Amino acid sequence: MLSTIKHYCIIVITVLAVTTSSAQIETSKWKALMALGINSPSQSGLVTPFEANSINFPSINLGVQRMFTPQLGAKLDFGYNRFANANNTPEFKTNYSRINLQFVYDATRFFSFLPIDTGVVFHAGPGYSMIKPLGDYGDNKTAFLNGMAGLEFHYGISRSVSAFVDTSYIYGFAKDFDPITEGFGSFNGNLLTVSVGIAVSLSGCYTCN
């Protein structure tokens, strides 16, 4: 009887281990990342009397990530954002595009209190921002260097796919508009983005068995 109970216990433990491991976040060497969300531009990046909505849609991010070790890696990503005028201010719409090369750090091991199928990833790096006003102010294009940093929370859907939430801040190294009319409908400030997306493994991973 005890032998039978022990046998069943071993089977149950094995099944639970396999089930849990299939949902774990695993460190893929190559990943594709796609996300959609909202953005919030700093009002200081707009000239008076232009003001933007505090929350704007959409914010689109596409990237490819390469991990060199289970914790350290890099990613090249592209972001597209659009924001528009707030009520009772001059009408405008502005496209904010960027490209960044970022360092990636998987800090999951420091968050052992989180469920086993979650992950925590920090990312930061330099990039280039391109601003394109639409409509009446289409000539006021500008571009400048930026620095970007963010935090991702991943949830494993399968061994090769995870859903994630990303919060990022993009700091613009832009000069002041001179003359001020070059800032009509344009932007030279910072941008906060919050997005939800999926990460798909494109290759094998460091922690797969």
N, C-alpha and C. Protein backbone atom coordinates (compact mmCIF):
# COMPACT_ATOMS: atom_id res chain seq x y z
N MET A 1 0.83 -1.21 0.00
CA MET A 1 0.00 0.00 0.00
C MET A 1 0.86 1.25 0.00
N LEU A 2 1.86 1.29 0.91
CA LEU A 2 2.76 2.44 0.96
C LEU A 2 3.52 2.60 -0.34
N SER A 3 3.89 1.46 -0.93
CA SER A 3 4.61 1.48 -2.20
C SER A 3 3.75 2.08 -3.30
N THR A 4 2.46 1.74 -3.28
CA THR A 4 1.53 2.27 -4.28
C THR A 4 1.34 3.77 -4.11
N ILE A 5 1.19 4.23 -2.86
CA ILE A 5 1.04 5.66 -2.58
C ILE A 5 2.28 6.43 -3.02
N LYS A 6 3.44 5.88 -2.71
CA LYS A 6 4.69 6.52 -3.11
C LYS A 6 4.78 6.62 -4.63
N HIS A 7 4.33 5.59 -5.31
CA HIS A 7 4.36 5.57 -6.77
C HIS A 7 3.48 6.68 -7.34
N TYR A 8 2.28 6.80 -6.78
CA TYR A 8 1.36 7.84 -7.24
C TYR A 8 1.91 9.24 -6.93
N CYS A 9 2.56 9.40 -5.79
CA CYS A 9 3.14 10.69 -5.43
C CYS A 9 4.21 11.10 -6.43
N ILE A 10 5.04 10.14 -6.81
CA ILE A 10 6.10 10.42 -7.79
C ILE A 10 5.50 10.84 -9.12
N ILE A 11 4.42 10.17 -9.54
CA ILE A 11 3.76 10.51 -10.81
C ILE A 11 3.18 11.92 -10.76
N VAL A 12 2.50 12.24 -9.63
CA VAL A 12 1.89 13.56 -9.48
C VAL A 12 2.95 14.65 -9.49
N ILE A 13 4.03 14.48 -8.75
CA ILE A 13 5.11 15.46 -8.69
C ILE A 13 5.73 15.66 -10.07
N THR A 14 5.92 14.56 -10.78
CA THR A 14 6.50 14.64 -12.13
C THR A 14 5.60 15.43 -13.07
N VAL A 15 4.29 15.15 -13.01
CA VAL A 15 3.33 15.86 -13.87
C VAL A 15 3.32 17.34 -13.54
N LEU A 16 3.31 17.67 -12.25
CA LEU A 16 3.32 19.08 -11.84
C LEU A 16 4.59 19.78 -12.30
N ALA A 17 5.72 19.12 -12.21
CA ALA A 17 6.99 19.72 -12.63
C ALA A 17 7.01 19.99 -14.12
N VAL A 18 6.50 19.03 -14.90
CA VAL A 18 6.46 19.21 -16.36
C VAL A 18 5.50 20.32 -16.73
N THR A 19 4.33 20.35 -16.07
CA THR A 19 3.34 21.39 -16.37
C THR A 19 3.88 22.76 -16.04
N THR A 20 4.55 22.89 -14.89
CA THR A 20 5.11 24.19 -14.49
C THR A 20 6.22 24.63 -15.42
N SER A 21 7.10 23.71 -15.76
CA SER A 21 8.24 24.09 -16.60
C SER A 21 7.81 24.52 -17.98
N SER A 22 6.68 24.00 -18.47
CA SER A 22 6.23 24.36 -19.81
C SER A 22 5.77 25.80 -19.88
N ALA A 23 5.45 26.41 -18.74
CA ALA A 23 4.97 27.80 -18.73
C ALA A 23 6.04 28.77 -18.26
N GLN A 24 7.22 28.29 -17.93
CA GLN A 24 8.25 29.16 -17.43
C GLN A 24 8.75 30.14 -18.49
N ILE A 25 9.17 31.32 -18.02
CA ILE A 25 9.88 32.24 -18.89
C ILE A 25 11.27 31.67 -19.15
N GLU A 26 11.63 31.56 -20.41
CA GLU A 26 12.93 31.02 -20.76
C GLU A 26 13.70 32.06 -21.55
N THR A 27 15.00 32.10 -21.35
CA THR A 27 15.83 33.13 -21.98
C THR A 27 16.20 32.72 -23.40
N SER A 28 15.46 33.21 -24.36
CA SER A 28 15.73 32.90 -25.76
C SER A 28 16.91 33.73 -26.26
N LYS A 29 17.74 33.13 -27.13
CA LYS A 29 18.87 33.88 -27.68
C LYS A 29 18.37 34.98 -28.62
N TRP A 30 17.41 34.66 -29.46
CA TRP A 30 16.82 35.65 -30.37
C TRP A 30 15.33 35.75 -30.12
N LYS A 31 14.82 36.98 -30.06
CA LYS A 31 13.39 37.21 -29.88
C LYS A 31 12.92 38.34 -30.77
N ALA A 32 11.67 38.24 -31.21
CA ALA A 32 10.98 39.35 -31.86
C ALA A 32 9.97 39.90 -30.87
N LEU A 33 9.92 41.24 -30.75
CA LEU A 33 9.00 41.87 -29.80
C LEU A 33 8.09 42.85 -30.54
N MET A 34 6.80 42.77 -30.24
CA MET A 34 5.81 43.65 -30.85
C MET A 34 4.87 44.15 -29.76
N ALA A 35 4.62 45.47 -29.73
CA ALA A 35 3.79 46.02 -28.66
C ALA A 35 2.96 47.20 -29.17
N LEU A 36 1.82 47.40 -28.54
CA LEU A 36 0.91 48.49 -28.88
C LEU A 36 0.46 49.14 -27.58
N GLY A 37 0.42 50.50 -27.58
CA GLY A 37 0.02 51.17 -26.35
C GLY A 37 -0.28 52.64 -26.53
N ILE A 38 0.00 53.40 -25.47
CA ILE A 38 -0.29 54.82 -25.43
C ILE A 38 0.98 55.61 -25.14
N ASN A 39 0.93 56.91 -25.37
CA ASN A 39 2.08 57.77 -25.10
C ASN A 39 1.64 59.08 -24.46
N SER A 40 2.59 59.71 -23.76
CA SER A 40 2.33 60.99 -23.11
C SER A 40 3.55 61.89 -23.31
N PRO A 41 3.43 62.93 -24.17
CA PRO A 41 4.56 63.83 -24.41
C PRO A 41 4.68 64.89 -23.32
N SER A 42 5.91 65.33 -23.04
CA SER A 42 6.11 66.41 -22.08
C SER A 42 5.65 67.72 -22.70
N GLN A 43 4.88 68.49 -21.95
CA GLN A 43 4.37 69.76 -22.49
C GLN A 43 5.48 70.75 -22.75
N SER A 44 6.61 70.61 -22.07
CA SER A 44 7.73 71.53 -22.28
C SER A 44 8.35 71.37 -23.66
N GLY A 45 8.02 70.28 -24.36
CA GLY A 45 8.55 70.07 -25.71
C GLY A 45 7.74 70.77 -26.78
N LEU A 46 6.69 71.47 -26.38
CA LEU A 46 5.82 72.19 -27.31
C LEU A 46 5.92 73.68 -27.05
N VAL A 47 5.83 74.48 -28.10
CA VAL A 47 5.89 75.94 -27.93
C VAL A 47 4.50 76.47 -27.61
N THR A 48 4.43 77.55 -26.89
CA THR A 48 3.17 78.21 -26.55
C THR A 48 2.54 78.78 -27.82
N PRO A 49 1.23 78.61 -28.05
CA PRO A 49 0.19 78.10 -27.15
C PRO A 49 -0.18 76.64 -27.42
N PHE A 50 0.71 75.89 -28.06
CA PHE A 50 0.40 74.50 -28.41
C PHE A 50 0.47 73.61 -27.16
N GLU A 51 -0.53 72.75 -27.00
CA GLU A 51 -0.56 71.77 -25.93
C GLU A 51 -1.07 70.45 -26.49
N ALA A 52 -0.50 69.36 -26.02
CA ALA A 52 -0.92 68.03 -26.48
C ALA A 52 -1.81 67.36 -25.44
N ASN A 53 -2.60 66.39 -25.89
CA ASN A 53 -3.33 65.55 -24.95
C ASN A 53 -2.35 64.85 -24.03
N SER A 54 -2.72 64.66 -22.78
CA SER A 54 -1.83 63.99 -21.83
C SER A 54 -1.68 62.51 -22.15
N ILE A 55 -2.71 61.90 -22.77
CA ILE A 55 -2.66 60.51 -23.19
C ILE A 55 -3.07 60.42 -24.65
N ASN A 56 -2.23 59.74 -25.44
CA ASN A 56 -2.46 59.66 -26.88
C ASN A 56 -2.30 58.22 -27.37
N PHE A 57 -2.97 57.91 -28.45
CA PHE A 57 -2.90 56.60 -29.09
C PHE A 57 -2.66 56.82 -30.58
N PRO A 58 -1.79 56.04 -31.25
CA PRO A 58 -1.15 54.84 -30.72
C PRO A 58 0.33 55.06 -30.39
N SER A 59 0.89 54.05 -29.74
CA SER A 59 2.33 53.90 -29.58
C SER A 59 2.65 52.48 -30.03
N ILE A 60 3.46 52.35 -31.08
CA ILE A 60 3.77 51.04 -31.67
C ILE A 60 5.27 50.79 -31.55
N ASN A 61 5.64 49.62 -31.05
CA ASN A 61 7.05 49.28 -30.89
C ASN A 61 7.33 47.92 -31.51
N LEU A 62 8.38 47.85 -32.33
CA LEU A 62 8.81 46.62 -32.97
C LEU A 62 10.30 46.45 -32.74
N GLY A 63 10.74 45.25 -32.35
CA GLY A 63 12.15 45.08 -32.06
C GLY A 63 12.64 43.65 -32.24
N VAL A 64 13.96 43.53 -32.34
CA VAL A 64 14.63 42.23 -32.36
C VAL A 64 15.66 42.23 -31.25
N GLN A 65 15.65 41.17 -30.44
CA GLN A 65 16.52 41.09 -29.27
C GLN A 65 17.46 39.89 -29.36
N ARG A 66 18.71 40.12 -28.94
CA ARG A 66 19.72 39.04 -28.91
C ARG A 66 20.33 38.99 -27.52
N MET A 67 20.23 37.83 -26.86
CA MET A 67 20.84 37.65 -25.55
C MET A 67 22.19 36.98 -25.72
N PHE A 68 23.22 37.57 -25.12
CA PHE A 68 24.58 37.02 -25.20
C PHE A 68 24.86 36.07 -24.04
N THR A 69 24.20 36.29 -22.92
CA THR A 69 24.21 35.39 -21.77
C THR A 69 22.77 35.30 -21.28
N PRO A 70 22.47 34.43 -20.33
CA PRO A 70 21.08 34.38 -19.83
C PRO A 70 20.58 35.70 -19.24
N GLN A 71 21.49 36.59 -18.82
CA GLN A 71 21.06 37.85 -18.22
C GLN A 71 21.32 39.07 -19.11
N LEU A 72 22.34 39.05 -19.94
CA LEU A 72 22.75 40.24 -20.69
C LEU A 72 22.51 40.08 -22.19
N GLY A 73 22.02 41.18 -22.79
CA GLY A 73 21.77 41.15 -24.22
C GLY A 73 21.61 42.55 -24.77
N ALA A 74 21.11 42.62 -26.00
CA ALA A 74 20.88 43.90 -26.67
C ALA A 74 19.68 43.76 -27.59
N LYS A 75 19.06 44.89 -27.89
CA LYS A 75 17.97 44.85 -28.86
C LYS A 75 17.97 46.11 -29.71
N LEU A 76 17.57 45.95 -30.93
CA LEU A 76 17.38 47.06 -31.86
C LEU A 76 15.89 47.18 -32.07
N ASP A 77 15.34 48.36 -31.77
CA ASP A 77 13.90 48.50 -31.90
C ASP A 77 13.50 49.84 -32.50
N PHE A 78 12.32 49.81 -33.11
CA PHE A 78 11.72 50.97 -33.76
C PHE A 78 10.42 51.31 -33.06
N GLY A 79 10.18 52.60 -32.85
CA GLY A 79 8.94 53.04 -32.22
C GLY A 79 8.25 54.11 -33.04
N TYR A 80 6.93 54.01 -33.11
CA TYR A 80 6.11 55.03 -33.77
C TYR A 80 5.05 55.51 -32.80
N ASN A 81 4.95 56.83 -32.64
CA ASN A 81 3.97 57.43 -31.74
C ASN A 81 3.29 58.60 -32.45
N ARG A 82 2.02 58.80 -32.13
CA ARG A 82 1.30 59.97 -32.63
C ARG A 82 0.60 60.64 -31.46
N PHE A 83 0.69 61.97 -31.43
CA PHE A 83 -0.08 62.71 -30.43
C PHE A 83 -0.74 63.91 -31.09
N ALA A 84 -1.80 64.40 -30.46
CA ALA A 84 -2.62 65.48 -31.04
C ALA A 84 -2.89 66.54 -30.00
N ASN A 85 -3.48 67.64 -30.48
CA ASN A 85 -3.72 68.80 -29.62
C ASN A 85 -4.77 68.52 -28.56
N ALA A 86 -4.59 69.18 -27.42
CA ALA A 86 -5.60 69.17 -26.37
C ALA A 86 -6.72 70.14 -26.74
N ASN A 87 -7.82 70.09 -26.01
CA ASN A 87 -8.94 71.00 -26.26
C ASN A 87 -8.54 72.45 -26.03
N ASN A 88 -9.12 73.35 -26.81
CA ASN A 88 -8.93 74.79 -26.67
C ASN A 88 -7.49 75.24 -26.94
N THR A 89 -6.76 74.47 -27.74
CA THR A 89 -5.42 74.88 -28.20
C THR A 89 -5.38 74.73 -29.71
N PRO A 90 -4.39 75.35 -30.39
CA PRO A 90 -4.32 75.22 -31.85
C PRO A 90 -4.32 73.75 -32.28
N GLU A 91 -5.01 73.48 -33.37
CA GLU A 91 -5.14 72.10 -33.85
C GLU A 91 -3.86 71.63 -34.52
N PHE A 92 -3.38 70.44 -34.13
CA PHE A 92 -2.20 69.85 -34.76
C PHE A 92 -2.15 68.36 -34.45
N LYS A 93 -1.40 67.64 -35.26
CA LYS A 93 -1.05 66.24 -35.01
C LYS A 93 0.42 66.07 -35.35
N THR A 94 1.09 65.24 -34.55
CA THR A 94 2.54 65.07 -34.73
C THR A 94 2.91 63.60 -34.67
N ASN A 95 3.72 63.17 -35.61
CA ASN A 95 4.28 61.82 -35.59
C ASN A 95 5.66 61.85 -34.95
N TYR A 96 5.87 60.98 -33.98
CA TYR A 96 7.17 60.85 -33.30
C TYR A 96 7.67 59.43 -33.57
N SER A 97 8.72 59.32 -34.38
CA SER A 97 9.33 58.02 -34.67
C SER A 97 10.72 57.97 -34.05
N ARG A 98 11.16 56.79 -33.69
CA ARG A 98 12.49 56.66 -33.10
C ARG A 98 13.08 55.30 -33.44
N ILE A 99 14.41 55.22 -33.38
CA ILE A 99 15.10 53.95 -33.48
C ILE A 99 16.17 53.94 -32.40
N ASN A 100 16.26 52.82 -31.65
CA ASN A 100 17.18 52.74 -30.52
C ASN A 100 17.92 51.41 -30.49
N LEU A 101 19.16 51.47 -30.07
CA LEU A 101 19.95 50.28 -29.78
C LEU A 101 20.11 50.24 -28.26
N GLN A 102 19.55 49.21 -27.63
CA GLN A 102 19.49 49.19 -26.17
C GLN A 102 20.16 47.95 -25.57
N PHE A 103 20.75 48.15 -24.42
CA PHE A 103 21.23 47.04 -23.62
C PHE A 103 20.04 46.43 -22.88
N VAL A 104 20.07 45.14 -22.70
CA VAL A 104 18.98 44.41 -22.05
C VAL A 104 19.54 43.64 -20.86
N TYR A 105 18.84 43.71 -19.73
CA TYR A 105 19.25 42.96 -18.55
C TYR A 105 18.05 42.20 -17.98
N ASP A 106 18.13 40.89 -17.98
CA ASP A 106 17.07 40.06 -17.41
C ASP A 106 17.31 39.91 -15.92
N ALA A 107 16.49 40.58 -15.12
CA ALA A 107 16.67 40.61 -13.67
C ALA A 107 15.73 39.66 -12.93
N THR A 108 15.18 38.69 -13.65
CA THR A 108 14.18 37.80 -13.06
C THR A 108 14.69 37.09 -11.81
N ARG A 109 15.95 36.71 -11.80
CA ARG A 109 16.49 35.95 -10.67
C ARG A 109 16.46 36.73 -9.36
N PHE A 110 16.38 38.07 -9.44
CA PHE A 110 16.31 38.89 -8.24
C PHE A 110 14.88 39.08 -7.74
N PHE A 111 13.92 38.54 -8.47
CA PHE A 111 12.51 38.67 -8.11
C PHE A 111 11.91 37.28 -7.90
N SER A 112 12.56 36.49 -7.07
CA SER A 112 12.15 35.10 -6.85
C SER A 112 10.78 34.99 -6.19
N PHE A 113 10.29 36.08 -5.60
CA PHE A 113 8.98 36.06 -4.96
C PHE A 113 7.84 36.12 -5.98
N LEU A 114 8.16 36.43 -7.25
CA LEU A 114 7.13 36.48 -8.28
C LEU A 114 6.80 35.06 -8.75
N PRO A 115 5.62 34.85 -9.33
CA PRO A 115 5.28 33.52 -9.86
C PRO A 115 6.33 33.03 -10.85
N ILE A 116 6.46 31.71 -10.96
CA ILE A 116 7.53 31.12 -11.73
C ILE A 116 7.43 31.43 -13.23
N ASP A 117 6.25 31.77 -13.71
CA ASP A 117 6.08 32.03 -15.14
C ASP A 117 6.12 33.52 -15.48
N THR A 118 6.73 34.33 -14.61
CA THR A 118 6.89 35.76 -14.90
C THR A 118 8.36 36.11 -15.01
N GLY A 119 8.65 37.22 -15.69
CA GLY A 119 10.01 37.69 -15.85
C GLY A 119 10.08 39.21 -15.76
N VAL A 120 11.23 39.72 -15.37
CA VAL A 120 11.45 41.16 -15.25
C VAL A 120 12.69 41.53 -16.06
N VAL A 121 12.53 42.48 -16.98
CA VAL A 121 13.61 42.85 -17.88
C VAL A 121 13.77 44.37 -17.91
N PHE A 122 15.01 44.84 -17.71
CA PHE A 122 15.33 46.26 -17.85
C PHE A 122 16.01 46.49 -19.20
N HIS A 123 15.76 47.65 -19.79
CA HIS A 123 16.44 47.98 -21.05
C HIS A 123 16.75 49.47 -21.10
N ALA A 124 17.87 49.83 -21.72
CA ALA A 124 18.27 51.23 -21.83
C ALA A 124 19.30 51.38 -22.93
N GLY A 125 19.27 52.54 -23.61
CA GLY A 125 20.27 52.78 -24.64
C GLY A 125 19.97 54.01 -25.46
N PRO A 126 20.94 54.40 -26.31
CA PRO A 126 20.81 55.61 -27.13
C PRO A 126 19.99 55.36 -28.39
N GLY A 127 19.54 56.48 -28.97
CA GLY A 127 18.78 56.37 -30.20
C GLY A 127 18.64 57.68 -30.92
N TYR A 128 17.78 57.68 -31.91
CA TYR A 128 17.57 58.85 -32.77
C TYR A 128 16.07 59.05 -32.95
N SER A 129 15.59 60.26 -32.68
CA SER A 129 14.17 60.59 -32.79
C SER A 129 13.91 61.46 -34.01
N MET A 130 12.80 61.19 -34.69
CA MET A 130 12.41 61.95 -35.89
C MET A 130 10.99 62.47 -35.70
N ILE A 131 10.83 63.78 -35.79
CA ILE A 131 9.54 64.43 -35.55
C ILE A 131 8.98 64.95 -36.87
N LYS A 132 7.72 64.59 -37.14
CA LYS A 132 7.08 65.03 -38.38
C LYS A 132 5.69 65.58 -38.06
N PRO A 133 5.53 66.91 -38.04
CA PRO A 133 4.19 67.49 -37.86
C PRO A 133 3.34 67.22 -39.10
N LEU A 134 2.04 67.15 -38.90
CA LEU A 134 1.11 66.92 -40.01
C LEU A 134 0.29 68.18 -40.26
N GLY A 135 -0.38 68.21 -41.38
CA GLY A 135 -1.28 69.32 -41.67
C GLY A 135 -0.57 70.62 -41.99
N ASP A 136 -1.03 71.72 -41.37
CA ASP A 136 -0.54 73.06 -41.69
C ASP A 136 0.92 73.28 -41.32
N TYR A 137 1.49 72.46 -40.45
CA TYR A 137 2.86 72.68 -39.96
C TYR A 137 3.84 71.62 -40.45
N GLY A 138 3.53 71.06 -41.60
CA GLY A 138 4.31 69.95 -42.14
C GLY A 138 5.77 70.25 -42.43
N ASP A 139 6.12 71.52 -42.56
CA ASP A 139 7.53 71.88 -42.84
C ASP A 139 8.39 71.90 -41.59
N ASN A 140 7.79 71.84 -40.43
CA ASN A 140 8.55 71.97 -39.18
C ASN A 140 9.08 70.63 -38.66
N LYS A 141 9.69 69.89 -39.55
CA LYS A 141 10.28 68.61 -39.14
C LYS A 141 11.57 68.87 -38.36
N THR A 142 11.87 67.95 -37.45
CA THR A 142 13.12 68.04 -36.70
C THR A 142 13.57 66.64 -36.30
N ALA A 143 14.81 66.52 -35.89
CA ALA A 143 15.35 65.23 -35.46
C ALA A 143 16.44 65.48 -34.42
N PHE A 144 16.63 64.54 -33.51
CA PHE A 144 17.62 64.72 -32.45
C PHE A 144 17.95 63.37 -31.81
N LEU A 145 19.06 63.33 -31.09
CA LEU A 145 19.46 62.13 -30.37
C LEU A 145 18.58 61.96 -29.13
N ASN A 146 18.45 60.72 -28.68
CA ASN A 146 17.67 60.46 -27.47
C ASN A 146 18.35 59.40 -26.60
N GLY A 147 17.92 59.32 -25.37
CA GLY A 147 18.30 58.24 -24.47
C GLY A 147 17.03 57.62 -23.93
N MET A 148 16.95 56.29 -23.97
CA MET A 148 15.70 55.61 -23.61
C MET A 148 15.97 54.58 -22.52
N ALA A 149 15.03 54.44 -21.59
CA ALA A 149 15.14 53.42 -20.54
C ALA A 149 13.74 52.90 -20.23
N GLY A 150 13.66 51.61 -19.88
CA GLY A 150 12.35 51.06 -19.61
C GLY A 150 12.39 49.77 -18.81
N LEU A 151 11.20 49.31 -18.45
CA LEU A 151 11.04 48.11 -17.64
C LEU A 151 9.92 47.27 -18.23
N GLU A 152 10.19 45.96 -18.39
CA GLU A 152 9.20 45.03 -18.93
C GLU A 152 8.87 43.96 -17.90
N PHE A 153 7.57 43.62 -17.80
CA PHE A 153 7.12 42.49 -17.02
C PHE A 153 6.54 41.46 -17.99
N HIS A 154 7.14 40.26 -18.02
CA HIS A 154 6.72 39.21 -18.94
C HIS A 154 5.92 38.13 -18.22
N TYR A 155 5.00 37.53 -18.97
CA TYR A 155 4.24 36.39 -18.47
C TYR A 155 4.28 35.30 -19.53
N GLY A 156 4.81 34.13 -19.17
CA GLY A 156 4.98 33.05 -20.13
C GLY A 156 3.66 32.42 -20.54
N ILE A 157 3.39 32.45 -21.85
CA ILE A 157 2.21 31.78 -22.40
C ILE A 157 2.59 30.35 -22.82
N SER A 158 3.77 30.21 -23.37
CA SER A 158 4.31 28.91 -23.75
C SER A 158 5.83 29.00 -23.67
N ARG A 159 6.54 27.94 -24.09
CA ARG A 159 7.99 27.94 -24.05
C ARG A 159 8.59 28.98 -25.00
N SER A 160 7.84 29.37 -26.04
CA SER A 160 8.39 30.28 -27.04
C SER A 160 7.68 31.62 -27.14
N VAL A 161 6.61 31.83 -26.38
CA VAL A 161 5.84 33.07 -26.47
C VAL A 161 5.55 33.60 -25.06
N SER A 162 5.74 34.89 -24.88
CA SER A 162 5.36 35.54 -23.62
C SER A 162 4.64 36.84 -23.92
N ALA A 163 3.69 37.19 -23.07
CA ALA A 163 3.03 38.49 -23.13
C ALA A 163 3.76 39.41 -22.16
N PHE A 164 3.82 40.70 -22.47
CA PHE A 164 4.53 41.60 -21.58
C PHE A 164 3.91 42.99 -21.57
N VAL A 165 4.18 43.70 -20.47
CA VAL A 165 3.82 45.11 -20.33
C VAL A 165 5.12 45.89 -20.22
N ASP A 166 5.23 46.96 -20.98
CA ASP A 166 6.46 47.77 -21.00
C ASP A 166 6.14 49.22 -20.67
N THR A 167 6.93 49.79 -19.79
CA THR A 167 6.87 51.23 -19.49
C THR A 167 8.24 51.82 -19.81
N SER A 168 8.27 52.82 -20.70
CA SER A 168 9.55 53.39 -21.13
C SER A 168 9.50 54.92 -21.13
N TYR A 169 10.67 55.51 -20.91
CA TYR A 169 10.81 56.97 -20.94
C TYR A 169 11.90 57.32 -21.94
N ILE A 170 11.59 58.23 -22.85
CA ILE A 170 12.53 58.64 -23.90
C ILE A 170 12.91 60.09 -23.66
N TYR A 171 14.17 60.31 -23.36
CA TYR A 171 14.68 61.67 -23.11
C TYR A 171 15.29 62.22 -24.39
N GLY A 172 14.81 63.40 -24.80
CA GLY A 172 15.29 63.99 -26.05
C GLY A 172 16.42 64.99 -25.84
N PHE A 173 17.51 64.81 -26.57
CA PHE A 173 18.62 65.77 -26.53
C PHE A 173 18.46 66.75 -27.70
N ALA A 174 17.46 67.60 -27.59
CA ALA A 174 17.11 68.50 -28.68
C ALA A 174 17.42 69.94 -28.30
N LYS A 175 17.69 70.76 -29.30
CA LYS A 175 17.93 72.18 -29.06
C LYS A 175 16.61 72.94 -29.13
N ASP A 176 16.62 74.17 -28.62
CA ASP A 176 15.42 75.01 -28.64
C ASP A 176 15.08 75.42 -30.06
N PHE A 177 13.80 75.68 -30.28
CA PHE A 177 13.36 76.15 -31.59
C PHE A 177 13.77 77.62 -31.78
N ASP A 178 14.44 77.90 -32.89
CA ASP A 178 14.89 79.26 -33.18
C ASP A 178 14.86 79.50 -34.69
N PRO A 179 13.88 80.27 -35.20
CA PRO A 179 12.87 81.05 -34.45
C PRO A 179 11.77 80.15 -33.88
N ILE A 180 10.96 80.72 -33.03
CA ILE A 180 9.93 79.97 -32.33
C ILE A 180 8.91 79.36 -33.28
N THR A 181 8.74 79.97 -34.45
CA THR A 181 7.76 79.46 -35.42
C THR A 181 8.14 78.07 -35.94
N GLU A 182 9.41 77.68 -35.81
CA GLU A 182 9.82 76.35 -36.23
C GLU A 182 9.25 75.28 -35.31
N GLY A 183 8.72 75.71 -34.15
CA GLY A 183 8.13 74.77 -33.21
C GLY A 183 6.64 74.59 -33.36
N PHE A 184 6.00 75.33 -34.27
CA PHE A 184 4.55 75.19 -34.44
C PHE A 184 4.22 73.78 -34.92
N GLY A 185 3.48 73.04 -34.10
CA GLY A 185 3.11 71.67 -34.45
C GLY A 185 4.22 70.66 -34.27
N SER A 186 5.42 71.12 -33.93
CA SER A 186 6.56 70.22 -33.78
C SER A 186 6.79 69.90 -32.31
N PHE A 187 7.91 69.22 -32.02
CA PHE A 187 8.14 68.73 -30.66
C PHE A 187 9.64 68.52 -30.44
N ASN A 188 10.15 68.93 -29.27
CA ASN A 188 11.57 68.72 -28.96
C ASN A 188 11.78 68.24 -27.53
N GLY A 189 10.76 67.54 -26.99
CA GLY A 189 10.81 67.14 -25.58
C GLY A 189 10.94 65.66 -25.34
N ASN A 190 10.44 65.22 -24.20
CA ASN A 190 10.55 63.84 -23.76
C ASN A 190 9.20 63.14 -23.91
N LEU A 191 9.25 61.80 -23.92
CA LEU A 191 8.03 61.03 -24.17
C LEU A 191 7.97 59.82 -23.24
N LEU A 192 6.81 59.61 -22.64
CA LEU A 192 6.55 58.43 -21.82
C LEU A 192 5.62 57.51 -22.60
N THR A 193 5.95 56.21 -22.63
CA THR A 193 5.10 55.24 -23.32
C THR A 193 4.76 54.07 -22.40
N VAL A 194 3.55 53.56 -22.55
CA VAL A 194 3.11 52.35 -21.85
C VAL A 194 2.45 51.46 -22.90
N SER A 195 2.93 50.22 -23.02
CA SER A 195 2.42 49.36 -24.07
C SER A 195 2.31 47.91 -23.60
N VAL A 196 1.51 47.14 -24.33
CA VAL A 196 1.31 45.72 -24.08
C VAL A 196 1.66 44.98 -25.36
N GLY A 197 2.40 43.87 -25.23
CA GLY A 197 2.81 43.18 -26.44
C GLY A 197 3.13 41.72 -26.22
N ILE A 198 3.73 41.12 -27.25
CA ILE A 198 4.16 39.73 -27.18
C ILE A 198 5.62 39.63 -27.62
N ALA A 199 6.33 38.68 -27.02
CA ALA A 199 7.71 38.38 -27.40
C ALA A 199 7.73 36.93 -27.90
N VAL A 200 8.27 36.72 -29.08
CA VAL A 200 8.28 35.41 -29.71
C VAL A 200 9.72 34.94 -29.91
N SER A 201 10.03 33.75 -29.44
CA SER A 201 11.37 33.20 -29.61
C SER A 201 11.63 32.87 -31.07
N LEU A 202 12.80 33.27 -31.57
CA LEU A 202 13.21 32.97 -32.94
C LEU A 202 14.29 31.91 -32.99
N SER A 203 14.71 31.43 -31.83
CA SER A 203 15.81 30.46 -31.79
C SER A 203 15.73 29.67 -30.50
N GLY A 204 16.73 28.85 -30.28
CA GLY A 204 16.85 28.11 -29.02
C GLY A 204 17.11 29.06 -27.88
N CYS A 205 17.12 28.54 -26.66
CA CYS A 205 17.30 29.39 -25.51
C CYS A 205 18.32 28.81 -24.54
N TYR A 206 18.81 29.65 -23.64
CA TYR A 206 19.85 29.26 -22.70
C TYR A 206 19.32 28.34 -21.60
N THR A 207 18.05 28.49 -21.26
CA THR A 207 17.53 27.76 -20.11
C THR A 207 16.60 26.63 -20.48
N CYS A 208 16.49 26.34 -21.78
CA CYS A 208 15.66 25.20 -22.18
C CYS A 208 16.36 23.88 -21.84
N ASN A 209 15.58 22.88 -21.49
CA ASN A 209 16.13 21.55 -21.24
C ASN A 209 15.95 20.69 -22.47
